[in-house]
């Protein structure tokens, strides 16, 4: 099949989807809405994927550009003559694809579009409903986002949920024994309000003031960087926090292996790929009790849940985990079993290929 894959930019997730589509024997045309403004993946675009130049892809999306982008995207569909458009997020890429008039369209939620963006205004609710009601099929990585899509008008019979998953060979448990003297907490969520890293920062201050055998390892970056440093400095714990910046996917498993406990304080999520990576690496996981996280973490089995946004409760849960550190490896083994059962990208990608085959000629 000839497929247009239309996304905001080029992320790790885009790389995996593009590779899976290409490896599936399809001809892939990669269209980016914001291009360099959204490029966070350092690996080259997979072989046999054609980058498409058009009037988008040069700057952040503006609603005033919608007519221009829609007309040019329509031109692309007439030029490429695809069998299918795979587009998302909903309120930008999928909307433009729908407005182009082309069908069939597989609309893919990125989690934040249905769990956060849709609530920002009545306008966002309207465009979400418009795009979903005119989509041929819908896919997401969590039941909670699928249910949201149905509530905004997506035909429930035209949906599929499958976790995006991880490479279980690349992300696997460490074979190196870690010394038990210091407990390392690990978080690689972006430093943006929706991901709650500021909640973790405040909880870590409380934990570190009670125990001198715990450190925090943070990856990534974001707009809250200054706020996080203020919290750590104000609490006198900055010297116990390691900021490692952006890490390549190639060496990312090594950073999970440095940790004893993975923490995700996100307020909004689908099935978090970083959570699945942590599970695959055999880490116990302590996560906010939002619906998507509860699809992956069972209290006391492969990790623990804390009340979303509750600094004190998170600190309590961290201290409780440290107090039973000798049980953490066993909890981590349960995490790995969950990943093997549900988060194998090679198996889950086949679900996408099956959808493609079903949409051919629709």
Protein backbone atom coordinates (compact mmCIF):
# COMPACT_ATOMS: atom_id res chain seq x y z
CA UNK A 1 0.00 0.00 0.00
CA UNK A 2 0.96 3.62 -0.49
CA UNK A 3 0.58 5.45 2.84
CA UNK A 4 0.89 9.07 3.93
CA UNK A 5 2.02 9.24 7.55
CA UNK A 6 1.17 12.73 8.83
CA UNK A 7 2.50 13.85 12.23
CA UNK A 8 3.57 17.00 14.10
CA UNK A 9 7.30 16.35 13.81
CA UNK A 10 9.83 13.58 14.18
CA UNK A 11 9.90 11.90 17.57
CA UNK A 12 10.99 8.49 18.81
CA UNK A 13 7.40 7.34 18.38
CA UNK A 14 7.30 8.58 14.79
CA UNK A 15 10.54 6.71 14.06
CA UNK A 16 9.07 3.45 15.31
CA UNK A 17 5.81 3.85 13.38
CA UNK A 18 7.62 4.79 10.17
CA UNK A 19 9.95 1.81 10.50
CA UNK A 20 7.09 -0.59 11.23
CA UNK A 21 5.12 0.66 8.22
CA UNK A 22 8.15 0.43 5.94
CA UNK A 23 9.14 -2.98 7.29
CA UNK A 24 5.57 -4.08 6.61
CA UNK A 25 6.26 -3.64 2.91
CA UNK A 26 4.36 -0.39 2.45
CA UNK A 27 5.46 2.70 0.53
CA UNK A 28 5.61 5.51 3.11
CA UNK A 29 5.40 9.26 2.57
CA UNK A 30 6.26 11.21 5.72
CA UNK A 31 4.55 14.61 6.09
CA UNK A 32 5.39 16.82 9.07
CA UNK A 33 3.21 19.68 10.28
CA UNK A 34 5.80 21.51 12.38
CA UNK A 35 9.04 19.88 11.26
CA UNK A 36 12.21 21.06 13.00
CA UNK A 37 10.20 22.70 15.78
CA UNK A 38 9.15 19.19 16.84
CA UNK A 39 12.24 17.11 15.99
CA UNK A 40 13.50 15.30 19.08
CA UNK A 41 14.67 12.05 17.46
CA UNK A 42 18.39 11.87 16.60
CA UNK A 43 18.18 8.76 14.41
CA UNK A 44 17.72 9.28 10.67
CA UNK A 45 14.38 8.62 9.06
CA UNK A 46 14.14 4.86 8.36
CA UNK A 47 15.14 3.60 4.90
CA UNK A 48 12.47 3.60 2.20
CA UNK A 49 10.57 6.46 3.87
CA UNK A 50 10.14 9.50 1.60
CA UNK A 51 10.19 12.92 3.27
CA UNK A 52 7.60 15.17 1.68
CA UNK A 53 8.19 18.89 1.18
CA UNK A 54 5.09 21.08 1.35
CA UNK A 55 3.92 24.42 2.75
CA UNK A 56 3.87 23.05 6.28
CA UNK A 57 6.76 21.67 8.29
CA UNK A 58 8.67 24.90 8.75
CA UNK A 59 7.19 26.51 11.86
CA UNK A 60 4.71 25.92 14.69
CA UNK A 61 1.11 25.45 13.58
CA UNK A 62 -1.15 28.53 13.59
CA UNK A 63 -4.89 28.40 13.08
CA UNK A 64 -4.62 31.24 10.57
CA UNK A 65 -2.59 28.88 8.36
CA UNK A 66 -5.28 26.20 8.31
CA UNK A 67 -6.77 27.09 4.87
CA UNK A 68 -3.35 27.30 3.23
CA UNK A 69 -2.20 24.02 4.76
CA UNK A 70 -5.44 22.24 3.90
CA UNK A 71 -5.28 23.24 0.23
CA UNK A 72 -1.65 22.19 -0.04
CA UNK A 73 -2.30 18.89 1.73
CA UNK A 74 -5.10 18.27 -0.77
CA UNK A 75 -2.55 18.87 -3.52
CA UNK A 76 -0.29 16.23 -1.94
CA UNK A 77 -3.06 13.64 -1.90
CA UNK A 78 -3.74 14.21 -5.60
CA UNK A 79 -0.04 14.03 -6.40
CA UNK A 80 0.85 10.98 -4.27
CA UNK A 81 -2.48 9.15 -4.67
CA UNK A 82 -2.15 7.22 -1.39
CA UNK A 83 -4.23 4.23 -0.41
CA UNK A 84 -4.47 5.50 3.16
CA UNK A 85 -3.65 8.50 5.35
CA UNK A 86 -2.45 7.79 8.89
CA UNK A 87 -2.73 11.09 10.79
CA UNK A 88 -2.56 12.48 14.33
CA UNK A 89 -2.83 14.34 16.68
CA UNK A 90 -6.55 14.83 16.18
CA UNK A 91 -6.97 18.63 16.29
CA UNK A 92 -4.12 19.35 13.86
CA UNK A 93 -2.89 16.63 11.52
CA UNK A 94 -6.07 14.54 11.48
CA UNK A 95 -8.21 17.66 11.08
CA UNK A 96 -6.20 18.82 8.05
CA UNK A 97 -6.38 15.33 6.54
CA UNK A 98 -10.15 15.25 7.04
CA UNK A 99 -10.59 18.73 5.56
CA UNK A 100 -8.61 17.68 2.48
CA UNK A 101 -11.52 15.44 1.54
CA UNK A 102 -9.40 12.32 1.14
CA UNK A 103 -10.56 8.96 2.48
CA UNK A 104 -9.77 6.53 4.08
CA UNK A 105 -8.19 8.22 7.09
CA UNK A 106 -6.82 6.39 10.11
CA UNK A 107 -6.83 8.95 12.93
CA UNK A 108 -4.36 8.22 15.73
CA UNK A 109 -4.64 9.83 19.15
CA UNK A 110 -1.39 10.83 20.83
CA UNK A 111 -2.97 10.82 24.28
CA UNK A 112 -2.59 14.49 25.10
CA UNK A 113 -4.99 15.49 22.29
CA UNK A 114 -7.90 13.73 24.02
CA UNK A 115 -6.79 13.95 27.65
CA UNK A 116 -5.70 17.60 27.67
CA UNK A 117 -5.96 19.66 24.45
CA UNK A 118 -9.64 18.94 23.86
CA UNK A 119 -10.54 20.60 27.16
CA UNK A 120 -8.80 23.88 26.42
CA UNK A 121 -11.73 25.54 24.63
CA UNK A 122 -15.09 25.00 22.99
CA UNK A 123 -13.32 25.41 19.66
CA UNK A 124 -11.05 22.45 20.41
CA UNK A 125 -14.08 20.37 21.36
CA UNK A 126 -15.77 21.25 18.08
CA UNK A 127 -12.78 20.44 15.87
CA UNK A 128 -12.22 17.19 17.78
CA UNK A 129 -15.80 16.14 17.19
CA UNK A 130 -15.63 17.20 13.54
CA UNK A 131 -12.43 15.25 12.84
CA UNK A 132 -13.48 12.08 14.64
CA UNK A 133 -16.94 11.88 13.07
CA UNK A 134 -15.33 12.03 9.65
CA UNK A 135 -12.47 9.61 10.32
CA UNK A 136 -12.65 6.18 8.72
CA UNK A 137 -10.99 4.44 11.65
CA UNK A 138 -9.42 5.38 14.98
CA UNK A 139 -6.55 4.00 17.01
CA UNK A 140 -5.09 4.85 20.39
CA UNK A 141 -2.81 3.24 22.93
CA UNK A 142 -5.17 3.18 25.92
CA UNK A 143 -8.79 2.35 26.64
CA UNK A 144 -9.30 5.71 28.34
CA UNK A 145 -8.47 7.61 25.13
CA UNK A 146 -10.59 5.28 23.00
CA UNK A 147 -13.56 5.93 25.29
CA UNK A 148 -12.95 9.68 25.00
CA UNK A 149 -12.93 9.42 21.21
CA UNK A 150 -16.26 7.58 21.25
CA UNK A 151 -17.73 10.27 23.50
CA UNK A 152 -16.76 12.85 20.85
CA UNK A 153 -18.50 10.98 18.06
CA UNK A 154 -16.14 8.26 16.84
CA UNK A 155 -17.95 5.11 15.76
CA UNK A 156 -17.05 2.56 18.49
CA UNK A 157 -17.03 -0.24 15.90
CA UNK A 158 -14.28 1.56 13.97
CA UNK A 159 -11.70 1.69 16.73
CA UNK A 160 -8.75 -0.36 17.92
CA UNK A 161 -6.62 -0.03 21.06
CA UNK A 162 -3.09 -1.33 21.15
CA UNK A 163 -0.17 -0.13 23.30
CA UNK A 164 2.65 1.29 21.23
CA UNK A 165 4.98 -0.96 23.18
CA UNK A 166 8.77 -1.21 23.23
CA UNK A 167 11.57 -3.34 21.83
CA UNK A 168 11.84 -5.97 24.55
CA UNK A 169 15.33 -6.97 23.43
CA UNK A 170 16.65 -3.41 23.61
CA UNK A 171 14.83 -2.58 26.86
CA UNK A 172 15.59 -5.49 29.17
CA UNK A 173 16.61 -5.95 32.82
CA UNK A 174 20.18 -5.21 33.87
CA UNK A 175 22.49 -8.12 34.54
CA UNK A 176 24.70 -5.97 36.78
CA UNK A 177 24.10 -6.18 40.53
CA UNK A 178 23.46 -2.74 42.05
CA UNK A 179 24.91 -1.88 45.46
CA UNK A 180 22.10 -1.39 48.02
CA UNK A 181 23.70 1.55 49.84
CA UNK A 182 21.86 4.31 47.93
CA UNK A 183 18.39 4.23 46.36
CA UNK A 184 18.14 6.03 43.02
CA UNK A 185 14.77 7.39 41.91
CA UNK A 186 14.37 7.89 38.16
CA UNK A 187 12.06 10.03 36.04
CA UNK A 188 12.33 10.89 32.35
CA UNK A 189 9.07 12.73 31.80
CA UNK A 190 9.26 16.14 30.11
CA UNK A 191 9.48 19.15 32.39
CA UNK A 192 6.08 20.49 31.35
CA UNK A 193 3.04 21.12 33.59
CA UNK A 194 1.03 18.16 32.30
CA UNK A 195 3.73 15.68 33.37
CA UNK A 196 3.90 16.74 37.03
CA UNK A 197 7.69 16.64 37.50
CA UNK A 198 7.30 19.61 39.85
CA UNK A 199 5.18 17.34 42.08
CA UNK A 200 8.01 14.82 42.15
CA UNK A 201 10.52 17.59 42.92
CA UNK A 202 8.57 18.72 45.97
CA UNK A 203 8.08 15.14 47.14
CA UNK A 204 11.80 14.43 46.74
CA UNK A 205 12.64 17.38 48.99
CA UNK A 206 10.50 15.83 51.73
CA UNK A 207 12.04 12.39 51.21
CA UNK A 208 15.62 13.64 51.10
CA UNK A 209 15.14 15.61 54.31
CA UNK A 210 14.22 12.36 56.06
CA UNK A 211 16.79 10.05 54.46
CA UNK A 212 20.35 10.57 53.29
CA UNK A 213 20.47 7.36 51.24
CA UNK A 214 18.28 8.46 48.30
CA UNK A 215 19.11 10.36 45.09
CA UNK A 216 17.08 11.52 42.11
CA UNK A 217 18.00 11.10 38.43
CA UNK A 218 16.14 13.28 35.91
CA UNK A 219 16.36 13.07 32.12
CA UNK A 220 14.96 15.44 29.54
CA UNK A 221 14.11 19.10 29.88
CA UNK A 222 11.31 21.60 29.41
CA UNK A 223 9.75 24.90 30.38
CA UNK A 224 9.73 24.09 34.11
CA UNK A 225 13.50 23.73 34.36
CA UNK A 226 13.95 26.95 36.35
CA UNK A 227 11.06 26.04 38.68
CA UNK A 228 12.51 22.60 39.39
CA UNK A 229 15.92 24.02 40.30
CA UNK A 230 14.23 26.55 42.59
CA UNK A 231 12.41 23.73 44.39
CA UNK A 232 15.59 21.67 44.82
CA UNK A 233 17.69 24.65 45.90
CA UNK A 234 15.01 25.84 48.32
CA UNK A 235 14.87 22.38 49.86
CA UNK A 236 18.66 22.10 50.11
CA UNK A 237 18.78 18.93 47.97
CA UNK A 238 20.15 20.17 44.64
CA UNK A 239 23.40 18.27 45.15
CA UNK A 240 21.43 15.01 45.31
CA UNK A 241 19.76 15.49 41.94
CA UNK A 242 21.45 14.49 38.66
CA UNK A 243 20.32 16.25 35.47
CA UNK A 244 21.35 14.12 32.50
CA UNK A 245 19.59 16.01 29.69
CA UNK A 246 18.34 14.39 26.49
CA UNK A 247 19.49 10.79 26.05
CA UNK A 248 19.62 8.85 22.80
CA UNK A 249 17.36 5.82 22.46
CA UNK A 250 20.49 3.81 21.72
CA UNK A 251 21.84 4.16 25.27
CA UNK A 252 18.58 4.91 27.11
CA UNK A 253 18.31 1.40 28.69
CA UNK A 254 21.61 2.04 30.49
CA UNK A 255 19.97 4.93 32.33
CA UNK A 256 17.02 2.83 33.46
CA UNK A 257 19.57 0.34 34.78
CA UNK A 258 21.02 3.01 37.07
CA UNK A 259 17.72 3.27 38.94
CA UNK A 260 15.94 1.36 41.71
CA UNK A 261 12.50 2.92 41.30
CA UNK A 262 10.81 4.54 38.29
CA UNK A 263 8.42 7.43 38.98
CA UNK A 264 5.87 9.00 36.63
CA UNK A 265 3.88 11.86 38.22
CA UNK A 266 1.99 12.68 35.01
CA UNK A 267 -1.42 14.32 35.27
CA UNK A 268 -2.37 13.34 31.70
CA UNK A 269 -1.33 10.29 29.69
CA UNK A 270 -2.23 7.50 27.38
CA UNK A 271 -0.20 4.33 27.69
CA UNK A 272 3.14 5.98 28.47
CA UNK A 273 5.99 4.52 26.42
CA UNK A 274 8.51 5.55 29.06
CA UNK A 275 6.47 3.60 31.63
CA UNK A 276 6.56 0.56 29.34
CA UNK A 277 10.31 0.98 28.92
CA UNK A 278 10.70 0.98 32.69
CA UNK A 279 8.54 -2.13 33.00
CA UNK A 280 10.58 -3.85 30.29
CA UNK A 281 13.81 -2.97 32.13
CA UNK A 282 12.46 -4.66 35.24
CA UNK A 283 11.94 -1.56 37.36
CA UNK A 284 9.30 -1.24 40.07
CA UNK A 285 7.07 1.68 39.08
CA UNK A 286 5.46 4.35 41.25
CA UNK A 287 2.94 6.31 39.19
CA UNK A 288 0.05 8.74 39.55
CA UNK A 289 -3.34 7.06 39.80
CA UNK A 290 -4.68 8.38 36.49
CA UNK A 291 -6.73 5.88 34.42
CA UNK A 292 -4.05 5.11 31.81
CA UNK A 293 -1.43 4.31 34.46
CA UNK A 294 -3.83 1.99 36.25
CA UNK A 295 -4.03 -0.06 33.05
CA UNK A 296 -0.35 -0.94 33.58
CA UNK A 297 0.51 -0.76 37.27
CA UNK A 298 -1.23 -2.89 39.89
CA UNK A 299 -0.73 -1.77 43.48
CA UNK A 300 1.70 -4.02 45.31
CA UNK A 301 2.41 -6.26 42.31
CA UNK A 302 4.58 -4.42 39.79
CA UNK A 303 4.59 -1.10 41.58
CA UNK A 304 2.42 1.41 43.44
CA UNK A 305 -0.01 4.25 42.79
CA UNK A 306 -0.21 7.64 44.46
CA UNK A 307 -2.94 10.25 44.35
CA UNK A 308 -2.38 12.44 41.31
CA UNK A 309 -0.85 15.77 42.28
CA UNK A 310 -0.56 14.87 45.99
CA UNK A 311 3.01 15.71 47.04
CA UNK A 312 2.65 14.25 50.53
CA UNK A 313 1.19 10.97 49.31
CA UNK A 314 3.97 10.59 46.73
CA UNK A 315 6.60 11.22 49.41
CA UNK A 316 4.94 8.63 51.67
CA UNK A 317 4.96 6.04 48.87
CA UNK A 318 8.63 6.72 48.06
CA UNK A 319 9.62 6.32 51.72
CA UNK A 320 7.60 3.10 51.97
CA UNK A 321 9.34 1.69 48.88
CA UNK A 322 12.77 2.58 50.27
CA UNK A 323 11.90 0.96 53.59
CA UNK A 324 11.35 -2.35 51.78
CA UNK A 325 14.15 -2.00 49.26
CA UNK A 326 14.99 -5.69 49.54
CA UNK A 327 11.65 -6.46 47.84
CA UNK A 328 12.19 -4.09 44.90
CA UNK A 329 13.93 -6.62 42.61
CA UNK A 330 10.99 -9.03 42.97
CA UNK A 331 8.52 -6.26 42.14
CA UNK A 332 10.69 -5.43 39.13
CA UNK A 333 10.43 -9.01 37.89
CA UNK A 334 6.65 -8.60 37.89
CA UNK A 335 7.12 -5.44 35.84
CA UNK A 336 9.07 -7.36 33.22
CA UNK A 337 6.35 -10.00 33.02
CA UNK A 338 3.73 -7.30 32.36
CA UNK A 339 5.89 -5.86 29.57
CA UNK A 340 6.40 -9.26 27.97
CA UNK A 341 2.68 -9.94 28.08
CA UNK A 342 1.36 -6.62 26.76
CA UNK A 343 4.11 -4.22 25.64
CA UNK A 344 5.93 -6.11 22.87
CA UNK A 345 6.14 -3.61 20.00
CA UNK A 346 6.82 -6.32 17.42
CA UNK A 347 3.53 -8.00 18.25
CA UNK A 348 1.58 -4.79 18.72
CA UNK A 349 2.75 -3.31 15.42
CA UNK A 350 1.10 -6.24 13.65
CA UNK A 351 -2.24 -4.95 14.95
CA UNK A 352 -1.60 -1.75 13.00
CA UNK A 353 -0.73 -3.69 9.84
CA UNK A 354 -4.01 -5.60 10.20
CA UNK A 355 -5.93 -2.30 10.36
CA UNK A 356 -4.15 -1.11 7.22
CA UNK A 357 -5.15 -4.26 5.35
CA UNK A 358 -8.74 -3.87 6.49
CA UNK A 359 -8.90 -0.25 5.29
CA UNK A 360 -7.50 -0.91 1.83
CA UNK A 361 -10.03 0.17 -0.76
CA UNK A 362 -12.45 1.68 1.78
